[in-house]
């Protein structure tokens, strides 16, 4: 329980009270902004899985280009880039 000042008479009032016991003014307790900022908000975009798949294909394409052949690596990089862009703007 916290004590707040009444907006009408200035006396200390419990934040749980619905009205000031001194003057009868209604007490409106606003939730502090800090409480809203502390709660985690997780935002999930619809194209995030495609972005991850595209990124993975780009990385695999880079390794395949150096290890196997440049043509296969180039195709994987191109496909990964296209899939990444589709996910990004989805």
N, C-alpha and C. Protein backbone atom coordinates (compact mmCIF):
# COMPACT_ATOMS: atom_id res chain seq x y z
N UNK A 1 0.86 -1.17 0.00
CA UNK A 1 0.00 0.00 0.00
C UNK A 1 0.91 1.24 0.00
N UNK A 2 0.62 2.13 -0.89
CA UNK A 2 1.39 3.37 -0.97
C UNK A 2 0.48 4.54 -0.68
N UNK A 3 1.08 5.58 -0.16
CA UNK A 3 0.32 6.80 0.10
C UNK A 3 0.56 7.79 -1.03
N UNK A 4 -0.53 8.34 -1.54
CA UNK A 4 -0.45 9.35 -2.58
C UNK A 4 -1.16 10.60 -2.09
N UNK A 5 -0.91 11.70 -2.73
CA UNK A 5 -1.57 12.95 -2.36
C UNK A 5 -2.87 13.10 -3.13
N UNK A 6 -3.90 13.51 -2.44
CA UNK A 6 -5.20 13.78 -3.07
C UNK A 6 -5.05 14.96 -4.02
N UNK A 7 -5.66 14.85 -5.19
CA UNK A 7 -5.54 15.93 -6.18
C UNK A 7 -6.37 17.15 -5.78
N UNK A 8 -7.35 16.98 -4.90
CA UNK A 8 -8.22 18.10 -4.49
C UNK A 8 -7.69 18.80 -3.24
N UNK A 9 -7.50 18.05 -2.15
CA UNK A 9 -7.13 18.69 -0.88
C UNK A 9 -5.65 18.55 -0.53
N UNK A 10 -4.94 17.64 -1.19
CA UNK A 10 -3.51 17.49 -0.95
C UNK A 10 -3.15 16.59 0.21
N UNK A 11 -4.12 16.04 0.93
CA UNK A 11 -3.85 15.14 2.06
C UNK A 11 -3.38 13.79 1.54
N UNK A 12 -2.64 13.05 2.38
CA UNK A 12 -2.18 11.72 2.01
C UNK A 12 -3.33 10.73 2.08
N UNK A 13 -3.44 9.91 1.02
CA UNK A 13 -4.52 8.93 0.90
C UNK A 13 -3.91 7.63 0.41
N UNK A 14 -4.48 6.52 0.84
CA UNK A 14 -4.03 5.22 0.35
C UNK A 14 -4.33 5.11 -1.14
N UNK A 15 -3.42 4.46 -1.87
CA UNK A 15 -3.67 4.28 -3.30
C UNK A 15 -4.76 3.23 -3.56
N UNK A 16 -5.15 2.49 -2.53
CA UNK A 16 -6.22 1.50 -2.65
C UNK A 16 -7.60 2.11 -2.43
N UNK A 17 -7.65 3.32 -1.89
CA UNK A 17 -8.94 3.97 -1.60
C UNK A 17 -9.59 4.42 -2.90
N UNK A 18 -10.92 4.34 -2.93
CA UNK A 18 -11.65 4.79 -4.12
C UNK A 18 -11.95 6.28 -4.05
N UNK A 19 -11.96 6.85 -2.83
CA UNK A 19 -12.21 8.29 -2.66
C UNK A 19 -11.41 8.79 -1.47
N UNK A 20 -11.12 10.06 -1.45
CA UNK A 20 -10.38 10.68 -0.35
C UNK A 20 -11.27 10.72 0.89
N UNK A 21 -10.80 10.22 2.05
CA UNK A 21 -11.62 10.26 3.25
C UNK A 21 -11.80 11.68 3.80
N UNK A 22 -10.95 12.60 3.40
CA UNK A 22 -11.02 13.97 3.89
C UNK A 22 -12.05 14.79 3.11
N UNK A 23 -11.93 14.79 1.78
CA UNK A 23 -12.82 15.65 0.98
C UNK A 23 -13.80 14.89 0.11
N UNK A 24 -13.60 13.57 -0.05
CA UNK A 24 -14.53 12.76 -0.83
C UNK A 24 -14.25 12.74 -2.32
N UNK A 25 -13.16 13.36 -2.75
CA UNK A 25 -12.82 13.37 -4.18
C UNK A 25 -12.41 11.97 -4.63
N UNK A 26 -12.85 11.56 -5.82
CA UNK A 26 -12.45 10.23 -6.30
C UNK A 26 -10.95 10.17 -6.55
N UNK A 27 -10.37 9.02 -6.22
CA UNK A 27 -8.93 8.82 -6.39
C UNK A 27 -8.73 8.00 -7.66
N UNK A 28 -7.96 8.56 -8.57
CA UNK A 28 -7.62 7.81 -9.78
C UNK A 28 -6.13 7.52 -9.73
N UNK A 29 -5.81 6.23 -9.63
CA UNK A 29 -4.41 5.83 -9.55
C UNK A 29 -4.01 5.37 -10.94
N UNK A 30 -3.00 6.01 -11.48
CA UNK A 30 -2.49 5.64 -12.79
C UNK A 30 -1.33 4.67 -12.61
N UNK A 31 -1.30 3.65 -13.44
CA UNK A 31 -0.20 2.70 -13.40
C UNK A 31 1.05 3.40 -13.91
N UNK A 32 2.12 3.33 -13.18
CA UNK A 32 3.34 3.99 -13.62
C UNK A 32 3.83 3.42 -14.95
N UNK A 33 4.45 4.26 -15.73
CA UNK A 33 4.97 3.85 -17.03
C UNK A 33 6.05 2.79 -16.86
N UNK A 34 6.76 2.82 -15.75
CA UNK A 34 7.84 1.88 -15.51
C UNK A 34 7.33 0.44 -15.52
N UNK A 35 6.15 0.19 -14.98
CA UNK A 35 5.60 -1.16 -14.96
C UNK A 35 5.33 -1.65 -16.38
N UNK A 36 4.89 -0.76 -17.25
CA UNK A 36 4.62 -1.16 -18.63
C UNK A 36 5.92 -1.45 -19.36
N UNK A 37 6.98 -0.72 -19.05
CA UNK A 37 8.24 -0.92 -19.74
C UNK A 37 8.96 -2.18 -19.27
N UNK A 38 8.70 -2.63 -18.06
CA UNK A 38 9.39 -3.80 -17.54
C UNK A 38 8.83 -5.10 -18.09
N UNK A 39 7.59 -5.10 -18.53
CA UNK A 39 7.02 -6.34 -19.06
C UNK A 39 7.58 -6.59 -20.45
N UNK A 40 8.12 -7.80 -20.67
CA UNK A 40 8.72 -8.09 -21.98
C UNK A 40 7.65 -8.24 -23.06
N UNK A 41 7.96 -7.71 -24.20
CA UNK A 41 7.07 -7.81 -25.34
C UNK A 41 7.83 -8.53 -26.44
N UNK A 42 7.30 -9.64 -26.89
CA UNK A 42 7.95 -10.40 -27.94
C UNK A 42 7.17 -10.20 -29.23
N UNK A 43 7.86 -9.70 -30.23
CA UNK A 43 7.23 -9.44 -31.52
C UNK A 43 7.71 -10.50 -32.50
N UNK A 44 6.78 -11.18 -33.11
CA UNK A 44 7.10 -12.24 -34.06
C UNK A 44 6.56 -11.83 -35.41
N UNK A 45 7.47 -11.60 -36.35
CA UNK A 45 7.03 -11.22 -37.69
C UNK A 45 6.73 -12.47 -38.50
N UNK A 46 5.79 -12.39 -39.45
CA UNK A 46 5.41 -13.58 -40.20
C UNK A 46 6.51 -14.13 -41.10
N UNK A 47 7.45 -13.31 -41.56
CA UNK A 47 8.47 -13.78 -42.48
C UNK A 47 9.78 -14.16 -41.83
N UNK A 48 9.82 -14.25 -40.52
CA UNK A 48 11.09 -14.51 -39.84
C UNK A 48 11.65 -15.90 -40.15
N UNK A 49 10.79 -16.88 -40.37
CA UNK A 49 11.28 -18.23 -40.69
C UNK A 49 11.90 -18.25 -42.08
N UNK A 50 11.30 -17.52 -43.02
CA UNK A 50 11.89 -17.46 -44.36
C UNK A 50 13.22 -16.72 -44.34
N UNK A 51 13.31 -15.68 -43.52
CA UNK A 51 14.59 -14.97 -43.40
C UNK A 51 15.67 -15.90 -42.86
N UNK A 52 15.32 -16.68 -41.87
CA UNK A 52 16.30 -17.62 -41.29
C UNK A 52 16.72 -18.67 -42.31
N UNK A 53 15.77 -19.18 -43.07
CA UNK A 53 16.08 -20.17 -44.10
C UNK A 53 16.97 -19.55 -45.18
N UNK A 54 16.66 -18.32 -45.59
CA UNK A 54 17.48 -17.65 -46.59
C UNK A 54 18.89 -17.41 -46.10
N UNK A 55 19.02 -17.00 -44.85
CA UNK A 55 20.35 -16.78 -44.28
C UNK A 55 21.14 -18.08 -44.23
N UNK A 56 20.47 -19.16 -43.85
CA UNK A 56 21.13 -20.46 -43.80
C UNK A 56 21.60 -20.89 -45.19
N UNK A 57 20.76 -20.68 -46.21
CA UNK A 57 21.15 -21.04 -47.57
C UNK A 57 22.33 -20.19 -48.05
N UNK A 58 22.38 -18.93 -47.68
CA UNK A 58 23.51 -18.08 -48.07
C UNK A 58 24.80 -18.60 -47.43
N UNK A 59 24.74 -18.95 -46.16
CA UNK A 59 25.93 -19.46 -45.47
C UNK A 59 26.38 -20.79 -46.08
N UNK A 60 25.43 -21.70 -46.32
CA UNK A 60 25.76 -22.99 -46.94
C UNK A 60 26.31 -22.76 -48.34
N UNK A 61 25.75 -21.79 -49.07
CA UNK A 61 26.25 -21.49 -50.41
C UNK A 61 27.68 -20.99 -50.40
N UNK A 62 28.02 -20.19 -49.40
CA UNK A 62 29.41 -19.69 -49.30
C UNK A 62 30.37 -20.86 -49.07
N UNK A 63 30.00 -21.76 -48.14
CA UNK A 63 30.86 -22.91 -47.88
C UNK A 63 30.91 -23.85 -49.08
N UNK A 64 29.78 -24.06 -49.73
CA UNK A 64 29.76 -24.94 -50.90
C UNK A 64 30.56 -24.34 -52.04
N UNK A 65 30.55 -23.04 -52.17
CA UNK A 65 31.32 -22.39 -53.23
C UNK A 65 32.81 -22.59 -53.06
N UNK A 66 33.27 -22.57 -51.83
CA UNK A 66 34.69 -22.78 -51.60
C UNK A 66 35.07 -24.26 -51.59
N UNK A 67 34.18 -25.12 -51.09
CA UNK A 67 34.53 -26.52 -50.92
C UNK A 67 34.22 -27.37 -52.15
N UNK A 68 33.04 -27.20 -52.75
CA UNK A 68 32.62 -28.10 -53.83
C UNK A 68 32.90 -27.45 -55.19
N UNK A 69 32.05 -26.50 -55.58
CA UNK A 69 32.32 -25.74 -56.80
C UNK A 69 31.60 -24.40 -56.72
N UNK A 70 32.08 -23.47 -57.50
CA UNK A 70 31.57 -22.11 -57.41
C UNK A 70 30.16 -21.98 -57.99
N UNK A 71 29.82 -22.81 -58.97
CA UNK A 71 28.50 -22.70 -59.59
C UNK A 71 27.41 -23.12 -58.60
N UNK A 72 27.60 -24.23 -57.91
CA UNK A 72 26.62 -24.68 -56.91
C UNK A 72 26.51 -23.67 -55.77
N UNK A 73 27.64 -23.16 -55.32
CA UNK A 73 27.63 -22.16 -54.25
C UNK A 73 26.91 -20.89 -54.67
N UNK A 74 27.13 -20.47 -55.91
CA UNK A 74 26.46 -19.27 -56.42
C UNK A 74 24.96 -19.45 -56.50
N UNK A 75 24.51 -20.64 -56.91
CA UNK A 75 23.07 -20.90 -56.97
C UNK A 75 22.45 -20.91 -55.58
N UNK A 76 23.13 -21.50 -54.61
CA UNK A 76 22.61 -21.53 -53.24
C UNK A 76 22.57 -20.11 -52.65
N UNK A 77 23.59 -19.32 -52.94
CA UNK A 77 23.59 -17.94 -52.44
C UNK A 77 22.46 -17.15 -53.07
N UNK A 78 22.26 -17.30 -54.36
CA UNK A 78 21.18 -16.58 -55.05
C UNK A 78 19.81 -17.01 -54.51
N UNK A 79 19.61 -18.33 -54.37
CA UNK A 79 18.33 -18.83 -53.84
C UNK A 79 18.12 -18.33 -52.41
N UNK A 80 19.17 -18.35 -51.59
CA UNK A 80 19.06 -17.87 -50.23
C UNK A 80 18.73 -16.40 -50.16
N UNK A 81 19.31 -15.61 -51.06
CA UNK A 81 19.05 -14.17 -51.07
C UNK A 81 17.61 -13.89 -51.47
N UNK A 82 17.11 -14.62 -52.46
CA UNK A 82 15.71 -14.43 -52.89
C UNK A 82 14.75 -14.83 -51.77
N UNK A 83 14.99 -15.96 -51.12
CA UNK A 83 14.12 -16.41 -50.02
C UNK A 83 14.20 -15.42 -48.86
N UNK A 84 15.38 -14.91 -48.56
CA UNK A 84 15.53 -13.92 -47.50
C UNK A 84 14.70 -12.67 -47.81
N UNK A 85 14.77 -12.19 -49.03
CA UNK A 85 14.01 -10.99 -49.40
C UNK A 85 12.50 -11.24 -49.36
N UNK A 86 12.07 -12.41 -49.77
CA UNK A 86 10.64 -12.74 -49.68
C UNK A 86 10.19 -12.72 -48.22
N UNK A 87 10.99 -13.31 -47.34
CA UNK A 87 10.65 -13.29 -45.91
C UNK A 87 10.69 -11.91 -45.32
N UNK A 88 11.62 -11.10 -45.78
CA UNK A 88 11.78 -9.76 -45.23
C UNK A 88 10.60 -8.86 -45.57
N UNK A 89 10.09 -8.98 -46.77
CA UNK A 89 8.99 -8.11 -47.19
C UNK A 89 7.64 -8.82 -47.17
N UNK A 90 7.58 -9.94 -46.49
CA UNK A 90 6.32 -10.69 -46.35
C UNK A 90 5.46 -10.07 -45.28
